[in-house]
């Protein structure tokens, strides 16, 4: 994460099972906005066909102005 770009890969191993989750993230950011693509993949359990999961998401946001004080 530097220069307005983010590019990351994270791997996590579940403490109570054989599963390992991999997440990748890439996108752009500034002080005014961000846009990021995220992909997550988790294999299924050996004895449970079809129990794996894949997820993809796109997130974005932008600054809209100062916070209003109540």
PDB file of N, CA and C in Angstrom:
ATOM      1  N   UNK A   1       0.859  -1.163   0.000  1.00  0.00           N
ATOM      2  CA  UNK A   1       0.000   0.000   0.000  1.00  0.00           C
ATOM      3  C   UNK A   1       0.903   1.222   0.000  1.00  0.00           C
ATOM      4  N   UNK A   2       0.949   1.881  -1.137  1.00  0.00           N
ATOM      5  CA  UNK A   2       1.779   3.083  -1.255  1.00  0.00           C
ATOM      6  C   UNK A   2       1.447   3.790  -2.560  1.00  0.00           C
ATOM      7  N   UNK A   3       1.664   5.073  -2.558  1.00  0.00           N
ATOM      8  CA  UNK A   3       1.504   5.848  -3.790  1.00  0.00           C
ATOM      9  C   UNK A   3       0.122   5.789  -4.395  1.00  0.00           C
ATOM     10  N   UNK A   4      -0.906   5.631  -3.578  1.00  0.00           N
ATOM     11  CA  UNK A   4      -2.267   5.602  -4.098  1.00  0.00           C
ATOM     12  C   UNK A   4      -2.703   4.248  -4.618  1.00  0.00           C
ATOM     13  N   UNK A   5      -1.901   3.222  -4.422  1.00  0.00           N
ATOM     14  CA  UNK A   5      -2.234   1.871  -4.891  1.00  0.00           C
ATOM     15  C   UNK A   5      -2.209   0.899  -3.728  1.00  0.00           C
ATOM     16  N   UNK A   6      -3.094  -0.089  -3.767  1.00  0.00           N
ATOM     17  CA  UNK A   6      -3.045  -1.189  -2.815  1.00  0.00           C
ATOM     18  C   UNK A   6      -3.058  -2.483  -3.611  1.00  0.00           C
ATOM     19  N   UNK A   7      -2.194  -3.402  -3.218  1.00  0.00           N
ATOM     20  CA  UNK A   7      -2.080  -4.699  -3.878  1.00  0.00           C
ATOM     21  C   UNK A   7      -1.630  -5.682  -2.798  1.00  0.00           C
ATOM     22  N   UNK A   8      -2.514  -6.576  -2.371  1.00  0.00           N
ATOM     23  CA  UNK A   8      -2.195  -7.447  -1.244  1.00  0.00           C
ATOM     24  C   UNK A   8      -2.742  -8.849  -1.447  1.00  0.00           C
ATOM     25  N   UNK A   9      -2.068  -9.808  -0.837  1.00  0.00           N
ATOM     26  CA  UNK A   9      -2.527 -11.194  -0.760  1.00  0.00           C
ATOM     27  C   UNK A   9      -2.392 -11.617   0.690  1.00  0.00           C
ATOM     28  N   UNK A  10      -3.466 -12.166   1.240  1.00  0.00           N
ATOM     29  CA  UNK A  10      -3.441 -12.641   2.621  1.00  0.00           C
ATOM     30  C   UNK A  10      -3.851 -14.106   2.647  1.00  0.00           C
ATOM     31  N   UNK A  11      -3.188 -14.890   3.483  1.00  0.00           N
ATOM     32  CA  UNK A  11      -3.516 -16.298   3.672  1.00  0.00           C
ATOM     33  C   UNK A  11      -3.781 -16.537   5.142  1.00  0.00           C
ATOM     34  N   UNK A  12      -4.879 -17.209   5.446  1.00  0.00           N
ATOM     35  CA  UNK A  12      -5.229 -17.538   6.832  1.00  0.00           C
ATOM     36  C   UNK A  12      -5.554 -19.021   6.915  1.00  0.00           C
ATOM     37  N   UNK A  13      -5.092 -19.659   7.984  1.00  0.00           N
ATOM     38  CA  UNK A  13      -5.409 -21.056   8.223  1.00  0.00           C
ATOM     39  C   UNK A  13      -6.328 -21.138   9.433  1.00  0.00           C
ATOM     40  N   UNK A  14      -7.434 -21.852   9.276  1.00  0.00           N
ATOM     41  CA  UNK A  14      -8.393 -21.983  10.369  1.00  0.00           C
ATOM     42  C   UNK A  14      -7.796 -22.816  11.491  1.00  0.00           C
ATOM     43  N   UNK A  15      -7.932 -22.363  12.747  1.00  0.00           N
ATOM     44  CA  UNK A  15      -7.356 -23.117  13.866  1.00  0.00           C
ATOM     45  C   UNK A  15      -8.077 -24.435  14.150  1.00  0.00           C
ATOM     46  N   UNK A  16      -9.327 -24.561  13.727  1.00  0.00           N
ATOM     47  CA  UNK A  16     -10.092 -25.766  14.056  1.00  0.00           C
ATOM     48  C   UNK A  16     -10.394 -26.644  12.846  1.00  0.00           C
ATOM     49  N   UNK A  17      -9.662 -26.483  11.765  1.00  0.00           N
ATOM     50  CA  UNK A  17      -9.958 -27.303  10.600  1.00  0.00           C
ATOM     51  C   UNK A  17      -8.856 -27.240   9.572  1.00  0.00           C
ATOM     52  N   UNK A  18      -9.020 -28.001   8.508  1.00  0.00           N
ATOM     53  CA  UNK A  18      -7.978 -28.070   7.488  1.00  0.00           C
ATOM     54  C   UNK A  18      -8.018 -26.925   6.483  1.00  0.00           C
ATOM     55  N   UNK A  19      -9.026 -26.063   6.568  1.00  0.00           N
ATOM     56  CA  UNK A  19      -9.235 -25.029   5.560  1.00  0.00           C
ATOM     57  C   UNK A  19      -8.209 -23.913   5.594  1.00  0.00           C
ATOM     58  N   UNK A  20      -7.939 -23.369   4.430  1.00  0.00           N
ATOM     59  CA  UNK A  20      -7.046 -22.225   4.300  1.00  0.00           C
ATOM     60  C   UNK A  20      -7.753 -21.216   3.397  1.00  0.00           C
ATOM     61  N   UNK A  21      -7.865 -19.995   3.848  1.00  0.00           N
ATOM     62  CA  UNK A  21      -8.521 -18.953   3.080  1.00  0.00           C
ATOM     63  C   UNK A  21      -7.458 -18.044   2.472  1.00  0.00           C
ATOM     64  N   UNK A  22      -7.646 -17.713   1.205  1.00  0.00           N
ATOM     65  CA  UNK A  22      -6.759 -16.772   0.513  1.00  0.00           C
ATOM     66  C   UNK A  22      -7.594 -15.589   0.053  1.00  0.00           C
ATOM     67  N   UNK A  23      -7.121 -14.374   0.356  1.00  0.00           N
ATOM     68  CA  UNK A  23      -7.814 -13.156  -0.055  1.00  0.00           C
ATOM     69  C   UNK A  23      -6.844 -12.265  -0.811  1.00  0.00           C
ATOM     70  N   UNK A  24      -7.290 -11.756  -1.950  1.00  0.00           N
ATOM     71  CA  UNK A  24      -6.486 -10.799  -2.703  1.00  0.00           C
ATOM     72  C   UNK A  24      -7.253  -9.477  -2.761  1.00  0.00           C
ATOM     73  N   UNK A  25      -6.505  -8.382  -2.728  1.00  0.00           N
ATOM     74  CA  UNK A  25      -7.093  -7.049  -2.809  1.00  0.00           C
ATOM     75  C   UNK A  25      -6.232  -6.198  -3.732  1.00  0.00           C
ATOM     76  N   UNK A  26      -6.876  -5.412  -4.581  1.00  0.00           N
ATOM     77  CA  UNK A  26      -6.139  -4.444  -5.383  1.00  0.00           C
ATOM     78  C   UNK A  26      -7.050  -3.272  -5.696  1.00  0.00           C
ATOM     79  N   UNK A  27      -6.449  -2.100  -5.770  1.00  0.00           N
ATOM     80  CA  UNK A  27      -7.243  -0.921  -6.062  1.00  0.00           C
ATOM     81  C   UNK A  27      -6.446   0.357  -5.898  1.00  0.00           C
ATOM     82  N   UNK A  28      -7.183   1.450  -5.841  1.00  0.00           N
ATOM     83  CA  UNK A  28      -6.601   2.790  -5.756  1.00  0.00           C
ATOM     84  C   UNK A  28      -7.221   3.536  -4.579  1.00  0.00           C
ATOM     85  N   UNK A  29      -6.453   4.466  -4.004  1.00  0.00           N
ATOM     86  CA  UNK A  29      -6.978   5.285  -2.921  1.00  0.00           C
ATOM     87  C   UNK A  29      -6.326   6.666  -2.946  1.00  0.00           C
ATOM     88  N   UNK A  30      -7.038   7.614  -2.356  1.00  0.00           N
ATOM     89  CA  UNK A  30      -6.510   8.967  -2.178  1.00  0.00           C
ATOM     90  C   UNK A  30      -7.156   9.539  -0.920  1.00  0.00           C
ATOM     91  N   UNK A  31      -6.886  10.782  -0.620  1.00  0.00           N
ATOM     92  CA  UNK A  31      -7.522  11.425   0.512  1.00  0.00           C
ATOM     93  C   UNK A  31      -8.986  11.718   0.274  1.00  0.00           C
ATOM     94  N   UNK A  32      -9.442  11.581  -0.954  1.00  0.00           N
ATOM     95  CA  UNK A  32     -10.818  11.917  -1.310  1.00  0.00           C
ATOM     96  C   UNK A  32     -11.673  10.727  -1.730  1.00  0.00           C
ATOM     97  N   UNK A  33     -11.051   9.602  -2.112  1.00  0.00           N
ATOM     98  CA  UNK A  33     -11.835   8.472  -2.623  1.00  0.00           C
ATOM     99  C   UNK A  33     -11.014   7.182  -2.593  1.00  0.00           C
ATOM    100  N   UNK A  34     -11.718   6.075  -2.751  1.00  0.00           N
ATOM    101  CA  UNK A  34     -11.049   4.793  -2.892  1.00  0.00           C
ATOM    102  C   UNK A  34     -11.901   3.867  -3.762  1.00  0.00           C
ATOM    103  N   UNK A  35     -11.273   2.888  -4.370  1.00  0.00           N
ATOM    104  CA  UNK A  35     -11.947   1.834  -5.130  1.00  0.00           C
ATOM    105  C   UNK A  35     -11.082   0.586  -4.993  1.00  0.00           C
ATOM    106  N   UNK A  36     -11.690  -0.517  -4.598  1.00  0.00           N
ATOM    107  CA  UNK A  36     -10.919  -1.732  -4.347  1.00  0.00           C
ATOM    108  C   UNK A  36     -11.692  -2.960  -4.826  1.00  0.00           C
ATOM    109  N   UNK A  37     -10.967  -3.919  -5.361  1.00  0.00           N
ATOM    110  CA  UNK A  37     -11.500  -5.218  -5.750  1.00  0.00           C
ATOM    111  C   UNK A  37     -10.974  -6.237  -4.750  1.00  0.00           C
ATOM    112  N   UNK A  38     -11.859  -7.095  -4.269  1.00  0.00           N
ATOM    113  CA  UNK A  38     -11.491  -8.114  -3.287  1.00  0.00           C
ATOM    114  C   UNK A  38     -11.965  -9.469  -3.812  1.00  0.00           C
ATOM    115  N   UNK A  39     -11.116 -10.482  -3.679  1.00  0.00           N
ATOM    116  CA  UNK A  39     -11.498 -11.855  -4.021  1.00  0.00           C
ATOM    117  C   UNK A  39     -11.058 -12.760  -2.883  1.00  0.00           C
ATOM    118  N   UNK A  40     -11.953 -13.652  -2.467  1.00  0.00           N
ATOM    119  CA  UNK A  40     -11.650 -14.577  -1.383  1.00  0.00           C
ATOM    120  C   UNK A  40     -11.960 -15.992  -1.853  1.00  0.00           C
ATOM    121  N   UNK A  41     -11.074 -16.916  -1.519  1.00  0.00           N
ATOM    122  CA  UNK A  41     -11.292 -18.310  -1.893  1.00  0.00           C
ATOM    123  C   UNK A  41     -10.975 -19.194  -0.694  1.00  0.00           C
ATOM    124  N   UNK A  42     -11.903 -20.094  -0.391  1.00  0.00           N
ATOM    125  CA  UNK A  42     -11.716 -21.022   0.712  1.00  0.00           C
ATOM    126  C   UNK A  42     -12.099 -22.419   0.204  1.00  0.00           C
ATOM    127  N   UNK A  43     -11.136 -23.342   0.233  1.00  0.00           N
ATOM    128  CA  UNK A  43     -11.457 -24.690  -0.235  1.00  0.00           C
ATOM    129  C   UNK A  43     -12.400 -25.380   0.749  1.00  0.00           C
ATOM    130  N   UNK A  44     -13.097 -26.381   0.269  1.00  0.00           N
ATOM    131  CA  UNK A  44     -14.012 -27.116   1.128  1.00  0.00           C
ATOM    132  C   UNK A  44     -13.297 -28.129   1.997  1.00  0.00           C
ATOM    133  N   UNK A  45     -14.030 -28.680   2.925  1.00  0.00           N
ATOM    134  CA  UNK A  45     -13.508 -29.746   3.781  1.00  0.00           C
ATOM    135  C   UNK A  45     -13.421 -31.036   2.970  1.00  0.00           C
ATOM    136  N   UNK A  46     -12.403 -31.859   3.195  1.00  0.00           N
ATOM    137  CA  UNK A  46     -12.232 -33.082   2.407  1.00  0.00           C
ATOM    138  C   UNK A  46     -13.452 -33.994   2.387  1.00  0.00           C
ATOM    139  N   UNK A  47     -14.158 -34.149   3.482  1.00  0.00           N
ATOM    140  CA  UNK A  47     -15.309 -35.045   3.528  1.00  0.00           C
ATOM    141  C   UNK A  47     -16.632 -34.398   3.174  1.00  0.00           C
ATOM    142  N   UNK A  48     -16.597 -33.140   2.714  1.00  0.00           N
ATOM    143  CA  UNK A  48     -17.842 -32.417   2.418  1.00  0.00           C
ATOM    144  C   UNK A  48     -17.790 -31.800   1.025  1.00  0.00           C
ATOM    145  N   UNK A  49     -18.162 -32.574  -0.004  1.00  0.00           N
ATOM    146  CA  UNK A  49     -18.150 -32.017  -1.359  1.00  0.00           C
ATOM    147  C   UNK A  49     -19.022 -30.760  -1.459  1.00  0.00           C
ATOM    148  N   UNK A  50     -18.556 -29.787  -2.181  1.00  0.00           N
ATOM    149  CA  UNK A  50     -19.323 -28.557  -2.383  1.00  0.00           C
ATOM    150  C   UNK A  50     -19.273 -27.589  -1.217  1.00  0.00           C
ATOM    151  N   UNK A  51     -18.395 -27.833  -0.244  1.00  0.00           N
ATOM    152  CA  UNK A  51     -18.363 -26.949   0.921  1.00  0.00           C
ATOM    153  C   UNK A  51     -17.398 -25.782   0.769  1.00  0.00           C
ATOM    154  N   UNK A  52     -16.709 -25.684  -0.358  1.00  0.00           N
ATOM    155  CA  UNK A  52     -15.806 -24.556  -0.587  1.00  0.00           C
ATOM    156  C   UNK A  52     -16.580 -23.293  -0.902  1.00  0.00           C
ATOM    157  N   UNK A  53     -15.870 -22.173  -0.917  1.00  0.00           N
ATOM    158  CA  UNK A  53     -16.533 -20.901  -1.172  1.00  0.00           C
ATOM    159  C   UNK A  53     -15.600 -19.952  -1.912  1.00  0.00           C
ATOM    160  N   UNK A  54     -16.166 -19.233  -2.867  1.00  0.00           N
ATOM    161  CA  UNK A  54     -15.454 -18.167  -3.571  1.00  0.00           C
ATOM    162  C   UNK A  54     -16.328 -16.920  -3.506  1.00  0.00           C
ATOM    163  N   UNK A  55     -15.714 -15.787  -3.220  1.00  0.00           N
ATOM    164  CA  UNK A  55     -16.461 -14.544  -3.128  1.00  0.00           C
ATOM    165  C   UNK A  55     -15.658 -13.432  -3.797  1.00  0.00           C
ATOM    166  N   UNK A  56     -16.335 -12.591  -4.544  1.00  0.00           N
ATOM    167  CA  UNK A  56     -15.713 -11.420  -5.154  1.00  0.00           C
ATOM    168  C   UNK A  56     -16.542 -10.199  -4.811  1.00  0.00           C
ATOM    169  N   UNK A  57     -15.858  -9.076  -4.582  1.00  0.00           N
ATOM    170  CA  UNK A  57     -16.562  -7.838  -4.247  1.00  0.00           C
ATOM    171  C   UNK A  57     -15.804  -6.638  -4.798  1.00  0.00           C
ATOM    172  N   UNK A  58     -16.553  -5.591  -5.094  1.00  0.00           N
ATOM    173  CA  UNK A  58     -15.986  -4.299  -5.474  1.00  0.00           C
ATOM    174  C   UNK A  58     -16.555  -3.276  -4.505  1.00  0.00           C
ATOM    175  N   UNK A  59     -15.675  -2.482  -3.925  1.00  0.00           N
ATOM    176  CA  UNK A  59     -16.101  -1.428  -3.004  1.00  0.00           C
ATOM    177  C   UNK A  59     -15.517  -0.103  -3.451  1.00  0.00           C
ATOM    178  N   UNK A  60     -16.280   0.953  -3.243  1.00  0.00           N
ATOM    179  CA  UNK A  60     -15.757   2.283  -3.560  1.00  0.00           C
ATOM    180  C   UNK A  60     -16.426   3.298  -2.641  1.00  0.00           C
ATOM    181  N   UNK A  61     -15.768   4.402  -2.478  1.00  0.00           N
ATOM    182  CA  UNK A  61     -16.321   5.468  -1.660  1.00  0.00           C
ATOM    183  C   UNK A  61     -15.641   6.782  -1.990  1.00  0.00           C
ATOM    184  N   UNK A  62     -16.292   7.868  -1.605  1.00  0.00           N
ATOM    185  CA  UNK A  62     -15.683   9.174  -1.838  1.00  0.00           C
ATOM    186  C   UNK A  62     -16.106  10.131  -0.739  1.00  0.00           C
ATOM    187  N   UNK A  63     -15.268  11.072  -0.508  1.00  0.00           N
ATOM    188  CA  UNK A  63     -15.544  12.115   0.485  1.00  0.00           C
ATOM    189  C   UNK A  63     -16.643  13.015  -0.064  1.00  0.00           C
ATOM    190  N   UNK A  64     -17.624  13.293   0.780  1.00  0.00           N
ATOM    191  CA  UNK A  64     -18.731  14.151   0.335  1.00  0.00           C
ATOM    192  C   UNK A  64     -18.758  15.496   1.045  1.00  0.00           C
ATOM    193  N   UNK A  65     -17.847  15.713   1.989  1.00  0.00           N
ATOM    194  CA  UNK A  65     -17.800  16.999   2.659  1.00  0.00           C
ATOM    195  C   UNK A  65     -17.537  16.830   4.139  1.00  0.00           C
ATOM    196  N   UNK A  66     -17.549  17.939   4.837  1.00  0.00           N
ATOM    197  CA  UNK A  66     -17.303  17.935   6.276  1.00  0.00           C
ATOM    198  C   UNK A  66     -18.453  17.259   7.009  1.00  0.00           C
ATOM    199  N   UNK A  67     -18.135  16.634   8.141  1.00  0.00           N
ATOM    200  CA  UNK A  67     -19.161  16.056   9.003  1.00  0.00           C
ATOM    201  C   UNK A  67     -19.975  17.171   9.645  1.00  0.00           C
ATOM    202  N   UNK A  68     -21.262  16.984   9.705  1.00  0.00           N
ATOM    203  CA  UNK A  68     -22.127  17.975  10.370  1.00  0.00           C
ATOM    204  C   UNK A  68     -22.091  17.745  11.858  1.00  0.00           C
ATOM    205  N   UNK A  69     -21.908  18.807  12.599  1.00  0.00           N
ATOM    206  CA  UNK A  69     -21.893  18.709  14.056  1.00  0.00           C
ATOM    207  C   UNK A  69     -23.298  18.936  14.583  1.00  0.00           C
ATOM    208  N   UNK A  70     -23.722  18.049  15.489  1.00  0.00           N
ATOM    209  CA  UNK A  70     -25.094  18.103  16.003  1.00  0.00           C
ATOM    210  C   UNK A  70     -25.201  19.023  17.106  1.00  0.00           C
TER     211      UNK A  70
END
